[in-house]
C-alpha atoms as a PDB file:
ATOM      1  CA  MET A   1     155.445 -55.958 -55.769  1.00  0.00           C
ATOM      2  CA  ALA A   2     152.754 -56.370 -58.388  1.00  0.00           C
ATOM      3  CA  LEU A   3     149.004 -55.864 -57.941  1.00  0.00           C
ATOM      4  CA  LEU A   4     145.990 -57.328 -59.688  1.00  0.00           C
ATOM      5  CA  ALA A   5     142.953 -55.189 -58.804  1.00  0.00           C
ATOM      6  CA  TRP A   6     139.394 -55.757 -59.913  1.00  0.00           C
ATOM      7  CA  SER A   7     137.269 -52.721 -59.122  1.00  0.00           C
ATOM      8  CA  ILE A   8     135.200 -49.890 -60.516  1.00  0.00           C
ATOM      9  CA  SER A   9     137.678 -47.220 -59.445  1.00  0.00           C
ATOM     10  CA  THR A  10     141.308 -46.276 -59.955  1.00  0.00           C
ATOM     11  CA  PRO A  11     143.579 -44.548 -57.405  1.00  0.00           C
ATOM     12  CA  THR A  12     142.114 -41.129 -56.867  1.00  0.00           C
ATOM     13  CA  PRO A  13     143.744 -37.753 -57.502  1.00  0.00           C
ATOM     14  CA  THR A  14     146.143 -36.432 -54.892  1.00  0.00           C
ATOM     15  CA  PRO A  15     144.725 -33.652 -52.767  1.00  0.00           C
ATOM     16  CA  PRO A  16     146.781 -30.442 -52.575  1.00  0.00           C
ATOM     17  CA  THR A  17     148.181 -31.685 -49.274  1.00  0.00           C
ATOM     18  CA  LYS A  18     149.061 -35.188 -48.141  1.00  0.00           C
ATOM     19  CA  LEU A  19     146.964 -34.566 -45.037  1.00  0.00           C
ATOM     20  CA  ILE A  20     144.557 -37.462 -44.726  1.00  0.00           C
ATOM     21  CA  THR A  21     140.969 -36.309 -44.344  1.00  0.00           C
ATOM     22  CA  ALA A  22     137.652 -38.080 -44.636  1.00  0.00           C
ATOM     23  CA  ARG A  23     137.188 -36.346 -47.995  1.00  0.00           C
ATOM     24  CA  ASN A  24     140.252 -37.894 -49.642  1.00  0.00           C
ATOM     25  CA  ILE A  25     140.146 -41.393 -48.206  1.00  0.00           C
ATOM     26  CA  THR A  26     138.851 -43.928 -50.685  1.00  0.00           C
ATOM     27  CA  THR A  27     139.248 -47.657 -51.072  1.00  0.00           C
ATOM     28  CA  ALA A  28     141.676 -47.026 -53.942  1.00  0.00           C
ATOM     29  CA  ARG A  29     143.841 -44.600 -51.958  1.00  0.00           C
ATOM     30  CA  PRO A  30     146.091 -47.298 -50.359  1.00  0.00           C
ATOM     31  CA  PHE A  31     147.253 -48.418 -53.813  1.00  0.00           C
ATOM     32  CA  ARG A  32     148.154 -44.878 -54.795  1.00  0.00           C
ATOM     33  CA  ARG A  33     150.023 -44.385 -51.535  1.00  0.00           C
ATOM     34  CA  ALA A  34     151.837 -47.702 -52.037  1.00  0.00           C
ATOM     35  CA  VAL A  35     153.001 -46.536 -55.482  1.00  0.00           C
ATOM     36  CA  GLU A  36     154.030 -43.116 -54.145  1.00  0.00           C
ATOM     37  CA  GLU A  37     156.044 -44.795 -51.372  1.00  0.00           C
ATOM     38  CA  GLY A  38     157.740 -47.258 -53.745  1.00  0.00           C
ATOM     39  CA  LEU A  39     155.992 -50.338 -52.363  1.00  0.00           C
ATOM     40  CA  LEU A  40     154.170 -51.121 -55.630  1.00  0.00           C
ATOM     41  CA  ASP A  41     155.702 -50.938 -59.086  1.00  0.00           C
ATOM     42  CA  PRO A  42     152.992 -49.149 -61.103  1.00  0.00           C
ATOM     43  CA  LYS A  43     154.136 -50.911 -64.277  1.00  0.00           C
ATOM     44  CA  LYS A  44     153.232 -54.177 -62.515  1.00  0.00           C
ATOM     45  CA  VAL A  45     149.709 -53.044 -61.600  1.00  0.00           C
ATOM     46  CA  ILE A  46     146.657 -54.003 -63.631  1.00  0.00           C
ATOM     47  CA  GLN A  47     143.195 -52.692 -62.819  1.00  0.00           C
ATOM     48  CA  ILE A  48     140.281 -54.551 -64.352  1.00  0.00           C
ATOM     49  CA  GLY A  49     136.642 -53.552 -64.803  1.00  0.00           C
ATOM     50  CA  ILE A  50     137.045 -49.823 -64.256  1.00  0.00           C
ATOM     51  CA  ARG A  51     133.824 -47.916 -64.857  1.00  0.00           C
ATOM     52  CA  GLY A  52     131.509 -45.419 -63.236  1.00  0.00           C
ATOM     53  CA  SER A  53     129.635 -42.231 -63.689  1.00  0.00           C
ATOM     54  CA  THR A  54     130.784 -40.370 -60.583  1.00  0.00           C
ATOM     55  CA  SER A  55     134.458 -39.788 -61.309  1.00  0.00           C
ATOM     56  CA  GLY A  56     135.884 -36.486 -62.535  1.00  0.00           C
ATOM     57  CA  ASP A  57     138.068 -35.826 -65.564  1.00  0.00           C
ATOM     58  CA  ASP A  58     141.311 -36.463 -63.676  1.00  0.00           C
ATOM     59  CA  TYR A  59     140.095 -39.449 -61.677  1.00  0.00           C
ATOM     60  CA  HIS A  60     142.029 -42.024 -63.724  1.00  0.00           C
ATOM     61  CA  GLN A  61     144.970 -39.782 -64.616  1.00  0.00           C
ATOM     62  CA  PHE A  62     147.337 -41.066 -61.910  1.00  0.00           C
ATOM     63  CA  SER A  63     146.924 -44.642 -63.115  1.00  0.00           C
ATOM     64  CA  HIS A  64     147.775 -43.697 -66.686  1.00  0.00           C
ATOM     65  CA  ASP A  65     150.561 -41.258 -65.815  1.00  0.00           C
ATOM     66  CA  SER A  66     152.293 -43.736 -63.512  1.00  0.00           C
ATOM     67  CA  GLY A  67     152.182 -46.575 -66.052  1.00  0.00           C
ATOM     68  CA  MET A  68     149.471 -48.775 -64.563  1.00  0.00           C
ATOM     69  CA  ARG A  69     147.535 -50.956 -67.002  1.00  0.00           C
ATOM     70  CA  VAL A  70     143.860 -50.001 -66.850  1.00  0.00           C
ATOM     71  CA  VAL A  71     141.307 -52.325 -68.429  1.00  0.00           C
ATOM     72  CA  TYR A  72     138.066 -50.387 -68.568  1.00  0.00           C
ATOM     73  CA  VAL A  73     134.947 -52.515 -68.497  1.00  0.00           C
ATOM     74  CA  GLU A  74     134.251 -51.760 -72.175  1.00  0.00           C
ATOM     75  CA  GLU A  75     137.621 -53.243 -73.137  1.00  0.00           C
ATOM     76  CA  PHE A  76     137.018 -56.194 -70.816  1.00  0.00           C
ATOM     77  CA  PHE A  77     133.823 -57.118 -72.652  1.00  0.00           C
ATOM     78  CA  GLU A  78     135.370 -56.433 -76.052  1.00  0.00           C
ATOM     79  CA  ILE A  79     138.435 -58.670 -75.618  1.00  0.00           C
ATOM     80  CA  GLY A  80     137.012 -61.275 -73.210  1.00  0.00           C
ATOM     81  CA  ASP A  81     138.172 -63.255 -70.196  1.00  0.00           C
ATOM     82  CA  ASP A  82     141.009 -65.133 -71.879  1.00  0.00           C
ATOM     83  CA  ALA A  83     142.663 -61.978 -73.210  1.00  0.00           C
ATOM     84  CA  VAL A  84     142.307 -60.248 -69.831  1.00  0.00           C
ATOM     85  CA  ILE A  85     143.878 -63.262 -68.119  1.00  0.00           C
ATOM     86  CA  ALA A  86     146.777 -63.216 -70.601  1.00  0.00           C
ATOM     87  CA  GLU A  87     147.240 -59.468 -70.114  1.00  0.00           C
ATOM     88  CA  SER A  88     147.172 -59.896 -66.319  1.00  0.00           C
ATOM     89  CA  ARG A  89     149.848 -62.566 -66.498  1.00  0.00           C
ATOM     90  CA  ARG A  90     151.946 -60.397 -68.837  1.00  0.00           C
ATOM     91  CA  VAL A  91     151.756 -57.353 -66.554  1.00  0.00           C
ATOM     92  CA  VAL A  92     152.657 -59.097 -63.295  1.00  0.00           C
ATOM     93  CA  SER A  93     155.055 -61.586 -64.978  1.00  0.00           C
ATOM     94  CA  ASP A  94     156.929 -63.463 -62.263  1.00  0.00           C
ATOM     95  CA  CYS A  95     156.839 -60.683 -59.638  1.00  0.00           C
ATOM     96  CA  PRO A  96     155.307 -61.364 -56.234  1.00  0.00           C
ATOM     97  CA  ALA A  97     151.711 -60.246 -56.683  1.00  0.00           C
ATOM     98  CA  TYR A  98     148.736 -59.390 -54.479  1.00  0.00           C
ATOM     99  CA  VAL A  99     145.168 -59.895 -55.722  1.00  0.00           C
ATOM    100  CA  SER A 100     142.514 -57.439 -54.576  1.00  0.00           C
ATOM    101  CA  LEU A 101     139.021 -58.198 -55.793  1.00  0.00           C
ATOM    102  CA  ASP A 102     136.547 -55.432 -55.091  1.00  0.00           C
ATOM    103  CA  VAL A 103     132.993 -56.776 -55.331  1.00  0.00           C
ATOM    104  CA  ASP A 104     131.848 -53.502 -56.833  1.00  0.00           C
ATOM    105  CA  GLY A 105     133.626 -54.667 -59.993  1.00  0.00           C
ATOM    106  CA  LEU A 106     130.875 -57.242 -60.309  1.00  0.00           C
ATOM    107  CA  ASP A 107     127.534 -56.195 -61.675  1.00  0.00           C
ATOM    108  CA  PRO A 108     125.335 -55.470 -58.628  1.00  0.00           C
ATOM    109  CA  VAL A 109     122.877 -58.129 -59.746  1.00  0.00           C
ATOM    110  CA  TYR A 110     125.485 -60.619 -58.407  1.00  0.00           C
ATOM    111  CA  ALA A 111     126.649 -58.686 -55.336  1.00  0.00           C
ATOM    112  CA  PRO A 112     124.296 -55.856 -54.342  1.00  0.00           C
ATOM    113  CA  GLY A 113     125.785 -55.608 -50.841  1.00  0.00           C
ATOM    114  CA  THR A 114     128.445 -53.012 -51.622  1.00  0.00           C
ATOM    115  CA  GLY A 115     128.639 -49.334 -50.829  1.00  0.00           C
ATOM    116  CA  THR A 116     129.383 -48.464 -54.459  1.00  0.00           C
ATOM    117  CA  PRO A 117     127.085 -50.465 -56.751  1.00  0.00           C
ATOM    118  CA  GLU A 118     127.557 -49.620 -60.420  1.00  0.00           C
ATOM    119  CA  VAL A 119     125.674 -51.448 -63.168  1.00  0.00           C
ATOM    120  CA  GLY A 120     127.518 -52.870 -66.149  1.00  0.00           C
ATOM    121  CA  GLY A 121     130.091 -55.013 -64.376  1.00  0.00           C
ATOM    122  CA  TYR A 122     131.291 -58.533 -65.027  1.00  0.00           C
ATOM    123  CA  THR A 123     129.702 -61.739 -63.736  1.00  0.00           C
ATOM    124  CA  THR A 124     130.712 -64.029 -60.890  1.00  0.00           C
ATOM    125  CA  HIS A 125     131.682 -66.581 -63.535  1.00  0.00           C
ATOM    126  CA  ASP A 126     133.989 -64.000 -65.168  1.00  0.00           C
ATOM    127  CA  ALA A 127     135.593 -63.338 -61.775  1.00  0.00           C
ATOM    128  CA  GLN A 128     136.112 -67.054 -61.135  1.00  0.00           C
ATOM    129  CA  ARG A 129     137.661 -67.557 -64.579  1.00  0.00           C
ATOM    130  CA  MET A 130     139.998 -64.589 -64.135  1.00  0.00           C
ATOM    131  CA  LEU A 131     141.105 -65.812 -60.718  1.00  0.00           C
ATOM    132  CA  ARG A 132     141.597 -69.394 -61.892  1.00  0.00           C
ATOM    133  CA  GLY A 133     143.591 -68.043 -64.824  1.00  0.00           C
ATOM    134  CA  LEU A 134     146.214 -66.809 -62.360  1.00  0.00           C
ATOM    135  CA  SER A 135     147.178 -70.345 -61.383  1.00  0.00           C
ATOM    136  CA  GLY A 136     150.962 -70.618 -61.356  1.00  0.00           C
ATOM    137  CA  CYS A 137     151.533 -66.881 -60.790  1.00  0.00           C
ATOM    138  CA  ASN A 138     153.699 -65.806 -57.862  1.00  0.00           C
ATOM    139  CA  LEU A 139     150.783 -64.754 -55.649  1.00  0.00           C
ATOM    140  CA  VAL A 140     151.616 -63.729 -52.094  1.00  0.00           C
ATOM    141  CA  GLY A 141     148.216 -62.625 -50.800  1.00  0.00           C
ATOM    142  CA  GLY A 142     144.758 -61.471 -51.666  1.00  0.00           C
ATOM    143  CA  ASP A 143     141.481 -60.105 -50.444  1.00  0.00           C
ATOM    144  CA  VAL A 144     137.878 -59.469 -51.400  1.00  0.00           C
ATOM    145  CA  VAL A 145     136.745 -55.994 -50.401  1.00  0.00           C
ATOM    146  CA  GLU A 146     133.821 -53.540 -50.439  1.00  0.00           C
ATOM    147  CA  ILE A 147     131.414 -56.011 -48.863  1.00  0.00           C
ATOM    148  CA  PHE A 148     128.533 -54.372 -46.977  1.00  0.00           C
ATOM    149  CA  PRO A 149     126.083 -57.179 -46.097  1.00  0.00           C
ATOM    150  CA  PRO A 150     123.386 -54.901 -44.583  1.00  0.00           C
ATOM    151  CA  LEU A 151     122.688 -53.649 -48.116  1.00  0.00           C
ATOM    152  CA  ASP A 152     121.890 -57.202 -49.251  1.00  0.00           C
ATOM    153  CA  PRO A 153     119.106 -58.861 -47.246  1.00  0.00           C
ATOM    154  CA  SER A 154     119.286 -61.917 -49.553  1.00  0.00           C
ATOM    155  CA  GLY A 155     122.791 -62.784 -48.309  1.00  0.00           C
ATOM    156  CA  ASN A 156     124.014 -63.344 -51.850  1.00  0.00           C
ATOM    157  CA  THR A 157     126.900 -60.862 -51.548  1.00  0.00           C
ATOM    158  CA  ALA A 158     128.263 -62.763 -48.538  1.00  0.00           C
ATOM    159  CA  LEU A 159     128.082 -66.006 -50.545  1.00  0.00           C
ATOM    160  CA  VAL A 160     129.856 -64.377 -53.493  1.00  0.00           C
ATOM    161  CA  ASN A 161     132.507 -62.967 -51.144  1.00  0.00           C
ATOM    162  CA  ALA A 162     133.145 -66.347 -49.517  1.00  0.00           C
ATOM    163  CA  SER A 163     133.266 -68.124 -52.867  1.00  0.00           C
ATOM    164  CA  LEU A 164     135.711 -65.670 -54.428  1.00  0.00           C
ATOM    165  CA  MET A 165     137.896 -65.631 -51.319  1.00  0.00           C
ATOM    166  CA  PHE A 166     137.940 -69.435 -51.486  1.00  0.00           C
ATOM    167  CA  GLU A 167     139.208 -69.159 -55.084  1.00  0.00           C
ATOM    168  CA  ILE A 168     141.994 -66.811 -53.921  1.00  0.00           C
ATOM    169  CA  MET A 169     142.911 -69.138 -51.026  1.00  0.00           C
ATOM    170  CA  CYS A 170     143.137 -72.069 -53.442  1.00  0.00           C
ATOM    171  CA  LEU A 171     145.486 -70.039 -55.658  1.00  0.00           C
ATOM    172  CA  LEU A 172     147.651 -69.171 -52.671  1.00  0.00           C
ATOM    173  CA  ALA A 173     147.743 -72.815 -51.585  1.00  0.00           C
ATOM    174  CA  GLY A 174     148.722 -73.874 -55.104  1.00  0.00           C
ATOM    175  CA  ALA A 175     145.627 -76.063 -55.417  1.00  0.00           C
END
């Protein structure tokens, strides 16, 4: 199985024990576990928009060591939407793929209702273009995550979430 993940974070370091505690549960942890259990082929995983000031030195190491393709936000802006779309298609090739769009990958000006806002992300238009660029890929599912509407009294994050999920549903329907 392949994975296309838009987020600010990569799968986090493994704690000394596999015991699940509140301290080592993150939204990226399921992807790491899926790789460790052989459910995801790390060479078929691309993570887009990775950035942040709160991660330690080894925070991204698992992604690199396991062979995941990491597109940091600086590279995203340097090469542009079209190149990121082409790279996404190259990485997942014709494998069944799941799309996970974390709204914290967006700049918080577009979706402030997330528990992990981090400035410097891509726009809603960038996200739409990247999703639409996956037309024809072997997509088997998708989600939009990290939505926390109480942090956004304007309701804009909910609108962004619904709009991006609609884009994913259209891809899945082959529209």
